[in-house]
Amino acid sequence: MSEPTSADSAGAPTPKRGSKQQRKGLFARLALFLRQMVAELRKVIWPTRKELITYTWVVLVFVVVMAGLIALFDLGMARVVFAIFGE
């Protein structure tokens, strides 16, 4: 029922941020990072081959359509600029 408050722990020293007790070595931090990375990659739901092919085609079609729209817009704006300022 009695939880420590900031007043209770006011006299207790806190470790410094860069102290050697807290900080792990370079290889320990690298190993921790790699373990966490592998753990996160295990959570990923990887697409099946069929889904991957479908997603690839969707992206390629979208890119081609957007490139076409931008090209048409660019040609239209070029004609407007030439009409206003001449050649």
PDB file of N, CA and C in Angstrom:
ATOM      1  N   MET A   1       0.814  -1.180   0.000  1.00  0.00           N
ATOM      2  CA  MET A   1       0.000   0.000   0.000  1.00  0.00           C
ATOM      3  C   MET A   1       0.861   1.247   0.000  1.00  0.00           C
ATOM      4  N   SER A   2       2.030   1.127   0.518  1.00  0.00           N
ATOM      5  CA  SER A   2       2.940   2.256   0.552  1.00  0.00           C
ATOM      6  C   SER A   2       3.894   2.157  -0.634  1.00  0.00           C
ATOM      7  N   GLU A   3       3.653   2.972  -1.656  1.00  0.00           N
ATOM      8  CA  GLU A   3       4.515   2.981  -2.827  1.00  0.00           C
ATOM      9  C   GLU A   3       5.526   4.107  -2.699  1.00  0.00           C
ATOM     10  N   PRO A   4       6.728   3.903  -3.191  1.00  0.00           N
ATOM     11  CA  PRO A   4       7.718   4.973  -3.095  1.00  0.00           C
ATOM     12  C   PRO A   4       7.316   6.147  -3.974  1.00  0.00           C
ATOM     13  N   THR A   5       7.478   7.307  -3.439  1.00  0.00           N
ATOM     14  CA  THR A   5       7.185   8.520  -4.194  1.00  0.00           C
ATOM     15  C   THR A   5       8.487   9.242  -4.453  1.00  0.00           C
ATOM     16  N   SER A   6       8.389  10.351  -5.139  1.00  0.00           N
ATOM     17  CA  SER A   6       9.600  11.098  -5.428  1.00  0.00           C
ATOM     18  C   SER A   6      10.217  11.642  -4.146  1.00  0.00           C
ATOM     19  N   ALA A   7       9.392  11.896  -3.115  1.00  0.00           N
ATOM     20  CA  ALA A   7       9.916  12.391  -1.845  1.00  0.00           C
ATOM     21  C   ALA A   7      10.666  11.283  -1.112  1.00  0.00           C
ATOM     22  N   ASP A   8      10.199  10.010  -1.232  1.00  0.00           N
ATOM     23  CA  ASP A   8      10.860   8.901  -0.555  1.00  0.00           C
ATOM     24  C   ASP A   8      12.234   8.611  -1.152  1.00  0.00           C
ATOM     25  N   SER A   9      12.347   8.749  -2.462  1.00  0.00           N
ATOM     26  CA  SER A   9      13.605   8.411  -3.119  1.00  0.00           C
ATOM     27  C   SER A   9      14.442   9.649  -3.411  1.00  0.00           C
ATOM     28  N   ALA A  10      14.114  10.765  -2.784  1.00  0.00           N
ATOM     29  CA  ALA A  10      14.842  12.004  -3.055  1.00  0.00           C
ATOM     30  C   ALA A  10      16.288  11.915  -2.602  1.00  0.00           C
ATOM     31  N   GLY A  11      16.574  11.162  -1.535  1.00  0.00           N
ATOM     32  CA  GLY A  11      17.933  11.075  -1.028  1.00  0.00           C
ATOM     33  C   GLY A  11      18.770  10.027  -1.725  1.00  0.00           C
ATOM     34  N   ALA A  12      18.151   9.151  -2.502  1.00  0.00           N
ATOM     35  CA  ALA A  12      18.888   8.063  -3.155  1.00  0.00           C
ATOM     36  C   ALA A  12      19.588   8.583  -4.406  1.00  0.00           C
ATOM     37  N   PRO A  13      20.873   8.275  -4.570  1.00  0.00           N
ATOM     38  CA  PRO A  13      21.573   8.741  -5.774  1.00  0.00           C
ATOM     39  C   PRO A  13      21.120   7.949  -6.994  1.00  0.00           C
ATOM     40  N   THR A  14      21.045   8.626  -8.112  1.00  0.00           N
ATOM     41  CA  THR A  14      20.673   7.963  -9.362  1.00  0.00           C
ATOM     42  C   THR A  14      21.929   7.799 -10.206  1.00  0.00           C
ATOM     43  N   PRO A  15      22.043   6.703 -10.932  1.00  0.00           N
ATOM     44  CA  PRO A  15      23.241   6.508 -11.758  1.00  0.00           C
ATOM     45  C   PRO A  15      23.261   7.501 -12.907  1.00  0.00           C
ATOM     46  N   LYS A  16      24.449   7.908 -13.303  1.00  0.00           N
ATOM     47  CA  LYS A  16      24.585   8.832 -14.421  1.00  0.00           C
ATOM     48  C   LYS A  16      24.286   8.102 -15.718  1.00  0.00           C
ATOM     49  N   ARG A  17      23.937   8.869 -16.740  1.00  0.00           N
ATOM     50  CA  ARG A  17      23.551   8.261 -18.012  1.00  0.00           C
ATOM     51  C   ARG A  17      24.689   7.510 -18.669  1.00  0.00           C
ATOM     52  N   GLY A  18      25.831   8.069 -18.709  1.00  0.00           N
ATOM     53  CA  GLY A  18      26.937   7.447 -19.425  1.00  0.00           C
ATOM     54  C   GLY A  18      27.837   6.616 -18.536  1.00  0.00           C
ATOM     55  N   SER A  19      27.338   6.223 -17.376  1.00  0.00           N
ATOM     56  CA  SER A  19      28.197   5.484 -16.457  1.00  0.00           C
ATOM     57  C   SER A  19      28.509   4.096 -17.005  1.00  0.00           C
ATOM     58  N   LYS A  20      29.641   3.540 -16.591  1.00  0.00           N
ATOM     59  CA  LYS A  20      30.077   2.233 -17.080  1.00  0.00           C
ATOM     60  C   LYS A  20      29.171   1.110 -16.575  1.00  0.00           C
ATOM     61  N   GLN A  21      28.498   1.315 -15.429  1.00  0.00           N
ATOM     62  CA  GLN A  21      27.627   0.274 -14.884  1.00  0.00           C
ATOM     63  C   GLN A  21      26.423   0.049 -15.789  1.00  0.00           C
ATOM     64  N   GLN A  22      25.894   1.110 -16.342  1.00  0.00           N
ATOM     65  CA  GLN A  22      24.693   1.012 -17.171  1.00  0.00           C
ATOM     66  C   GLN A  22      25.016   0.632 -18.610  1.00  0.00           C
ATOM     67  N   ARG A  23      26.049   1.203 -19.158  1.00  0.00           N
ATOM     68  CA  ARG A  23      26.338   1.074 -20.580  1.00  0.00           C
ATOM     69  C   ARG A  23      26.992  -0.269 -20.894  1.00  0.00           C
ATOM     70  N   LYS A  24      26.442  -0.935 -21.917  1.00  0.00           N
ATOM     71  CA  LYS A  24      27.002  -2.209 -22.356  1.00  0.00           C
ATOM     72  C   LYS A  24      28.025  -1.949 -23.448  1.00  0.00           C
ATOM     73  N   GLY A  25      28.846  -2.934 -23.721  1.00  0.00           N
ATOM     74  CA  GLY A  25      29.869  -2.804 -24.746  1.00  0.00           C
ATOM     75  C   GLY A  25      29.268  -2.782 -26.140  1.00  0.00           C
ATOM     76  N   LEU A  26      30.088  -2.437 -27.099  1.00  0.00           N
ATOM     77  CA  LEU A  26      29.647  -2.329 -28.488  1.00  0.00           C
ATOM     78  C   LEU A  26      29.116  -3.659 -29.007  1.00  0.00           C
ATOM     79  N   PHE A  27      29.841  -4.741 -28.758  1.00  0.00           N
ATOM     80  CA  PHE A  27      29.421  -6.040 -29.276  1.00  0.00           C
ATOM     81  C   PHE A  27      28.161  -6.543 -28.576  1.00  0.00           C
ATOM     82  N   ALA A  28      27.987  -6.209 -27.300  1.00  0.00           N
ATOM     83  CA  ALA A  28      26.777  -6.609 -26.582  1.00  0.00           C
ATOM     84  C   ALA A  28      25.565  -5.878 -27.146  1.00  0.00           C
ATOM     85  N   ARG A  29      25.737  -4.592 -27.437  1.00  0.00           N
ATOM     86  CA  ARG A  29      24.626  -3.825 -28.025  1.00  0.00           C
ATOM     87  C   ARG A  29      24.316  -4.318 -29.430  1.00  0.00           C
ATOM     88  N   LEU A  30      25.350  -4.644 -30.197  1.00  0.00           N
ATOM     89  CA  LEU A  30      25.148  -5.160 -31.552  1.00  0.00           C
ATOM     90  C   LEU A  30      24.433  -6.506 -31.519  1.00  0.00           C
ATOM     91  N   ALA A  31      24.831  -7.375 -30.589  1.00  0.00           N
ATOM     92  CA  ALA A  31      24.175  -8.681 -30.458  1.00  0.00           C
ATOM     93  C   ALA A  31      22.720  -8.510 -30.050  1.00  0.00           C
ATOM     94  N   LEU A  32      22.449  -7.582 -29.138  1.00  0.00           N
ATOM     95  CA  LEU A  32      21.068  -7.316 -28.717  1.00  0.00           C
ATOM     96  C   LEU A  32      20.240  -6.826 -29.898  1.00  0.00           C
ATOM     97  N   PHE A  33      20.820  -5.916 -30.680  1.00  0.00           N
ATOM     98  CA  PHE A  33      20.115  -5.402 -31.852  1.00  0.00           C
ATOM     99  C   PHE A  33      19.788  -6.523 -32.832  1.00  0.00           C
ATOM    100  N   LEU A  34      20.752  -7.393 -33.099  1.00  0.00           N
ATOM    101  CA  LEU A  34      20.528  -8.488 -34.044  1.00  0.00           C
ATOM    102  C   LEU A  34      19.466  -9.457 -33.535  1.00  0.00           C
ATOM    103  N   ARG A  35      19.482  -9.758 -32.231  1.00  0.00           N
ATOM    104  CA  ARG A  35      18.455 -10.647 -31.662  1.00  0.00           C
ATOM    105  C   ARG A  35      17.068 -10.018 -31.790  1.00  0.00           C
ATOM    106  N   GLN A  36      16.973  -8.724 -31.510  1.00  0.00           N
ATOM    107  CA  GLN A  36      15.682  -8.046 -31.622  1.00  0.00           C
ATOM    108  C   GLN A  36      15.227  -7.979 -33.074  1.00  0.00           C
ATOM    109  N   MET A  37      16.167  -7.777 -33.994  1.00  0.00           N
ATOM    110  CA  MET A  37      15.822  -7.709 -35.410  1.00  0.00           C
ATOM    111  C   MET A  37      15.264  -9.045 -35.898  1.00  0.00           C
ATOM    112  N   VAL A  38      15.913 -10.133 -35.533  1.00  0.00           N
ATOM    113  CA  VAL A  38      15.440 -11.461 -35.937  1.00  0.00           C
ATOM    114  C   VAL A  38      14.071 -11.736 -35.329  1.00  0.00           C
ATOM    115  N   ALA A  39      13.870 -11.347 -34.074  1.00  0.00           N
ATOM    116  CA  ALA A  39      12.574 -11.559 -33.420  1.00  0.00           C
ATOM    117  C   ALA A  39      11.469 -10.794 -34.138  1.00  0.00           C
ATOM    118  N   GLU A  40      11.753  -9.567 -34.566  1.00  0.00           N
ATOM    119  CA  GLU A  40      10.746  -8.780 -35.280  1.00  0.00           C
ATOM    120  C   GLU A  40      10.473  -9.361 -36.664  1.00  0.00           C
ATOM    121  N   LEU A  41      11.513  -9.849 -37.344  1.00  0.00           N
ATOM    122  CA  LEU A  41      11.311 -10.427 -38.674  1.00  0.00           C
ATOM    123  C   LEU A  41      10.502 -11.715 -38.615  1.00  0.00           C
ATOM    124  N   ARG A  42      10.553 -12.418 -37.495  1.00  0.00           N
ATOM    125  CA  ARG A  42       9.739 -13.630 -37.350  1.00  0.00           C
ATOM    126  C   ARG A  42       8.251 -13.294 -37.246  1.00  0.00           C
ATOM    127  N   LYS A  43       7.927 -12.073 -36.829  1.00  0.00           N
ATOM    128  CA  LYS A  43       6.529 -11.656 -36.691  1.00  0.00           C
ATOM    129  C   LYS A  43       5.909 -11.260 -38.032  1.00  0.00           C
ATOM    130  N   VAL A  44       6.747 -11.010 -39.030  1.00  0.00           N
ATOM    131  CA  VAL A  44       6.263 -10.533 -40.323  1.00  0.00           C
ATOM    132  C   VAL A  44       5.488 -11.636 -41.025  1.00  0.00           C
ATOM    133  N   ILE A  45       4.356 -11.256 -41.617  1.00  0.00           N
ATOM    134  CA  ILE A  45       3.582 -12.194 -42.436  1.00  0.00           C
ATOM    135  C   ILE A  45       4.042 -11.989 -43.878  1.00  0.00           C
ATOM    136  N   TRP A  46       4.825 -12.927 -44.372  1.00  0.00           N
ATOM    137  CA  TRP A  46       5.397 -12.798 -45.702  1.00  0.00           C
ATOM    138  C   TRP A  46       4.359 -13.197 -46.753  1.00  0.00           C
ATOM    139  N   PRO A  47       4.309 -12.467 -47.897  1.00  0.00           N
ATOM    140  CA  PRO A  47       3.336 -12.814 -48.938  1.00  0.00           C
ATOM    141  C   PRO A  47       3.719 -14.111 -49.645  1.00  0.00           C
ATOM    142  N   THR A  48       2.682 -14.770 -50.160  1.00  0.00           N
ATOM    143  CA  THR A  48       2.941 -15.959 -50.966  1.00  0.00           C
ATOM    144  C   THR A  48       3.471 -15.509 -52.330  1.00  0.00           C
ATOM    145  N   ARG A  49       3.939 -16.468 -53.119  1.00  0.00           N
ATOM    146  CA  ARG A  49       4.472 -16.119 -54.442  1.00  0.00           C
ATOM    147  C   ARG A  49       3.389 -15.468 -55.307  1.00  0.00           C
ATOM    148  N   LYS A  50       2.174 -15.998 -55.247  1.00  0.00           N
ATOM    149  CA  LYS A  50       1.071 -15.451 -56.043  1.00  0.00           C
ATOM    150  C   LYS A  50       0.761 -14.015 -55.615  1.00  0.00           C
ATOM    151  N   GLU A  51       0.710 -13.784 -54.309  1.00  0.00           N
ATOM    152  CA  GLU A  51       0.444 -12.430 -53.810  1.00  0.00           C
ATOM    153  C   GLU A  51       1.559 -11.471 -54.221  1.00  0.00           C
ATOM    154  N   LEU A  52       2.795 -11.932 -54.156  1.00  0.00           N
ATOM    155  CA  LEU A  52       3.927 -11.090 -54.518  1.00  0.00           C
ATOM    156  C   LEU A  52       3.863 -10.682 -55.986  1.00  0.00           C
ATOM    157  N   ILE A  53       3.507 -11.626 -56.851  1.00  0.00           N
ATOM    158  CA  ILE A  53       3.381 -11.314 -58.280  1.00  0.00           C
ATOM    159  C   ILE A  53       2.242 -10.324 -58.504  1.00  0.00           C
ATOM    160  N   THR A  54       1.126 -10.527 -57.809  1.00  0.00           N
ATOM    161  CA  THR A  54      -0.009  -9.608 -57.930  1.00  0.00           C
ATOM    162  C   THR A  54       0.381  -8.206 -57.481  1.00  0.00           C
ATOM    163  N   TYR A  55       1.017  -8.094 -56.331  1.00  0.00           N
ATOM    164  CA  TYR A  55       1.429  -6.783 -55.818  1.00  0.00           C
ATOM    165  C   TYR A  55       2.423  -6.111 -56.757  1.00  0.00           C
ATOM    166  N   THR A  56       3.312  -6.894 -57.349  1.00  0.00           N
ATOM    167  CA  THR A  56       4.295  -6.334 -58.274  1.00  0.00           C
ATOM    168  C   THR A  56       3.608  -5.749 -59.498  1.00  0.00           C
ATOM    169  N   TRP A  57       2.642  -6.478 -60.057  1.00  0.00           N
ATOM    170  CA  TRP A  57       1.912  -5.971 -61.220  1.00  0.00           C
ATOM    171  C   TRP A  57       1.108  -4.722 -60.878  1.00  0.00           C
ATOM    172  N   VAL A  58       0.500  -4.703 -59.710  1.00  0.00           N
ATOM    173  CA  VAL A  58      -0.269  -3.521 -59.297  1.00  0.00           C
ATOM    174  C   VAL A  58       0.644  -2.302 -59.227  1.00  0.00           C
ATOM    175  N   VAL A  59       1.808  -2.464 -58.643  1.00  0.00           N
ATOM    176  CA  VAL A  59       2.747  -1.344 -58.521  1.00  0.00           C
ATOM    177  C   VAL A  59       3.235  -0.903 -59.896  1.00  0.00           C
ATOM    178  N   LEU A  60       3.586  -1.846 -60.768  1.00  0.00           N
ATOM    179  CA  LEU A  60       4.070  -1.483 -62.100  1.00  0.00           C
ATOM    180  C   LEU A  60       3.006  -0.749 -62.908  1.00  0.00           C
ATOM    181  N   VAL A  61       1.769  -1.231 -62.866  1.00  0.00           N
ATOM    182  CA  VAL A  61       0.682  -0.560 -63.589  1.00  0.00           C
ATOM    183  C   VAL A  61       0.459   0.839 -63.027  1.00  0.00           C
ATOM    184  N   PHE A  62       0.475   0.970 -61.716  1.00  0.00           N
ATOM    185  CA  PHE A  62       0.288   2.280 -61.090  1.00  0.00           C
ATOM    186  C   PHE A  62       1.387   3.249 -61.520  1.00  0.00           C
ATOM    187  N   VAL A  63       2.626   2.787 -61.543  1.00  0.00           N
ATOM    188  CA  VAL A  63       3.740   3.654 -61.930  1.00  0.00           C
ATOM    189  C   VAL A  63       3.603   4.081 -63.386  1.00  0.00           C
ATOM    190  N   VAL A  64       3.223   3.168 -64.270  1.00  0.00           N
ATOM    191  CA  VAL A  64       3.059   3.510 -65.686  1.00  0.00           C
ATOM    192  C   VAL A  64       1.927   4.517 -65.865  1.00  0.00           C
ATOM    193  N   VAL A  65       0.815   4.313 -65.183  1.00  0.00           N
ATOM    194  CA  VAL A  65      -0.317   5.243 -65.282  1.00  0.00           C
ATOM    195  C   VAL A  65       0.082   6.624 -64.767  1.00  0.00           C
ATOM    196  N   MET A  66       0.746   6.677 -63.634  1.00  0.00           N
ATOM    197  CA  MET A  66       1.148   7.967 -63.078  1.00  0.00           C
ATOM    198  C   MET A  66       2.164   8.664 -63.982  1.00  0.00           C
ATOM    199  N   ALA A  67       3.093   7.911 -64.564  1.00  0.00           N
ATOM    200  CA  ALA A  67       4.063   8.500 -65.488  1.00  0.00           C
ATOM    201  C   ALA A  67       3.348   9.075 -66.707  1.00  0.00           C
ATOM    202  N   GLY A  68       2.341   8.367 -67.203  1.00  0.00           N
ATOM    203  CA  GLY A  68       1.559   8.873 -68.329  1.00  0.00           C
ATOM    204  C   GLY A  68       0.813  10.147 -67.981  1.00  0.00           C
ATOM    205  N   LEU A  69       0.196  10.182 -66.807  1.00  0.00           N
ATOM    206  CA  LEU A  69      -0.521  11.391 -66.386  1.00  0.00           C
ATOM    207  C   LEU A  69       0.422  12.576 -66.228  1.00  0.00           C
ATOM    208  N   ILE A  70       1.567  12.345 -65.654  1.00  0.00           N
ATOM    209  CA  ILE A  70       2.536  13.430 -65.478  1.00  0.00           C
ATOM    210  C   ILE A  70       3.060  13.900 -66.830  1.00  0.00           C
ATOM    211  N   ALA A  71       3.285  12.974 -67.766  1.00  0.00           N
ATOM    212  CA  ALA A  71       3.746  13.351 -69.105  1.00  0.00           C
ATOM    213  C   ALA A  71       2.689  14.190 -69.817  1.00  0.00           C
ATOM    214  N   LEU A  72       1.424  13.787 -69.717  1.00  0.00           N
ATOM    215  CA  LEU A  72       0.346  14.575 -70.334  1.00  0.00           C
ATOM    216  C   LEU A  72       0.240  15.958 -69.710  1.00  0.00           C
ATOM    217  N   PHE A  73       0.347  16.031 -68.401  1.00  0.00           N
ATOM    218  CA  PHE A  73       0.295  17.318 -67.715  1.00  0.00           C
ATOM    219  C   PHE A  73       1.465  18.199 -68.152  1.00  0.00           C
ATOM    220  N   ASP A  74       2.642  17.611 -68.276  1.00  0.00           N
ATOM    221  CA  ASP A  74       3.829  18.357 -68.690  1.00  0.00           C
ATOM    222  C   ASP A  74       3.666  18.886 -70.114  1.00  0.00           C
ATOM    223  N   LEU A  75       3.168  18.040 -71.015  1.00  0.00           N
ATOM    224  CA  LEU A  75       2.944  18.494 -72.396  1.00  0.00           C
ATOM    225  C   LEU A  75       1.912  19.616 -72.445  1.00  0.00           C
ATOM    226  N   GLY A  76       0.853  19.474 -71.666  1.00  0.00           N
ATOM    227  CA  GLY A  76      -0.172  20.519 -71.624  1.00  0.00           C
ATOM    228  C   GLY A  76       0.376  21.832 -71.091  1.00  0.00           C
ATOM    229  N   MET A  77       1.151  21.764 -70.034  1.00  0.00           N
ATOM    230  CA  MET A  77       1.721  22.988 -69.469  1.00  0.00           C
ATOM    231  C   MET A  77       2.727  23.617 -70.432  1.00  0.00           C
ATOM    232  N   ALA A  78       3.475  22.785 -71.165  1.00  0.00           N
ATOM    233  CA  ALA A  78       4.429  23.318 -72.143  1.00  0.00           C
ATOM    234  C   ALA A  78       3.694  24.072 -73.239  1.00  0.00           C
ATOM    235  N   ARG A  79       2.566  23.531 -73.707  1.00  0.00           N
ATOM    236  CA  ARG A  79       1.783  24.229 -74.740  1.00  0.00           C
ATOM    237  C   ARG A  79       1.230  25.551 -74.220  1.00  0.00           C
ATOM    238  N   VAL A  80       0.784  25.550 -72.963  1.00  0.00           N
ATOM    239  CA  VAL A  80       0.265  26.792 -72.371  1.00  0.00           C
ATOM    240  C   VAL A  80       1.374  27.837 -72.290  1.00  0.00           C
ATOM    241  N   VAL A  81       2.547  27.437 -71.841  1.00  0.00           N
ATOM    242  CA  VAL A  81       3.664  28.384 -71.723  1.00  0.00           C
ATOM    243  C   VAL A  81       4.073  28.899 -73.100  1.00  0.00           C
ATOM    244  N   PHE A  82       4.140  28.011 -74.102  1.00  0.00           N
ATOM    245  CA  PHE A  82       4.487  28.459 -75.453  1.00  0.00           C
ATOM    246  C   PHE A  82       3.411  29.373 -76.021  1.00  0.00           C
ATOM    247  N   ALA A  83       2.142  29.120 -75.691  1.00  0.00           N
ATOM    248  CA  ALA A  83       1.065  29.978 -76.183  1.00  0.00           C
ATOM    249  C   ALA A  83       1.155  31.368 -75.556  1.00  0.00           C
ATOM    250  N   ILE A  84       1.545  31.434 -74.301  1.00  0.00           N
ATOM    251  CA  ILE A  84       1.624  32.731 -73.619  1.00  0.00           C
ATOM    252  C   ILE A  84       2.881  33.492 -74.038  1.00  0.00           C
ATOM    253  N   PHE A  85       4.028  32.845 -74.007  1.00  0.00           N
ATOM    254  CA  PHE A  85       5.297  33.536 -74.234  1.00  0.00           C
ATOM    255  C   PHE A  85       5.843  33.363 -75.643  1.00  0.00           C
ATOM    256  N   GLY A  86       5.296  32.488 -76.425  1.00  0.00           N
ATOM    257  CA  GLY A  86       5.782  32.247 -77.779  1.00  0.00           C
ATOM    258  C   GLY A  86       7.066  31.433 -77.773  1.00  0.00           C
ATOM    259  N   GLU A  87       7.530  31.143 -78.985  1.00  0.00           N
ATOM    260  CA  GLU A  87       8.739  30.309 -79.085  1.00  0.00           C
ATOM    261  C   GLU A  87       9.963  31.141 -79.247  1.00  0.00           C
TER     262      GLU A  87
END
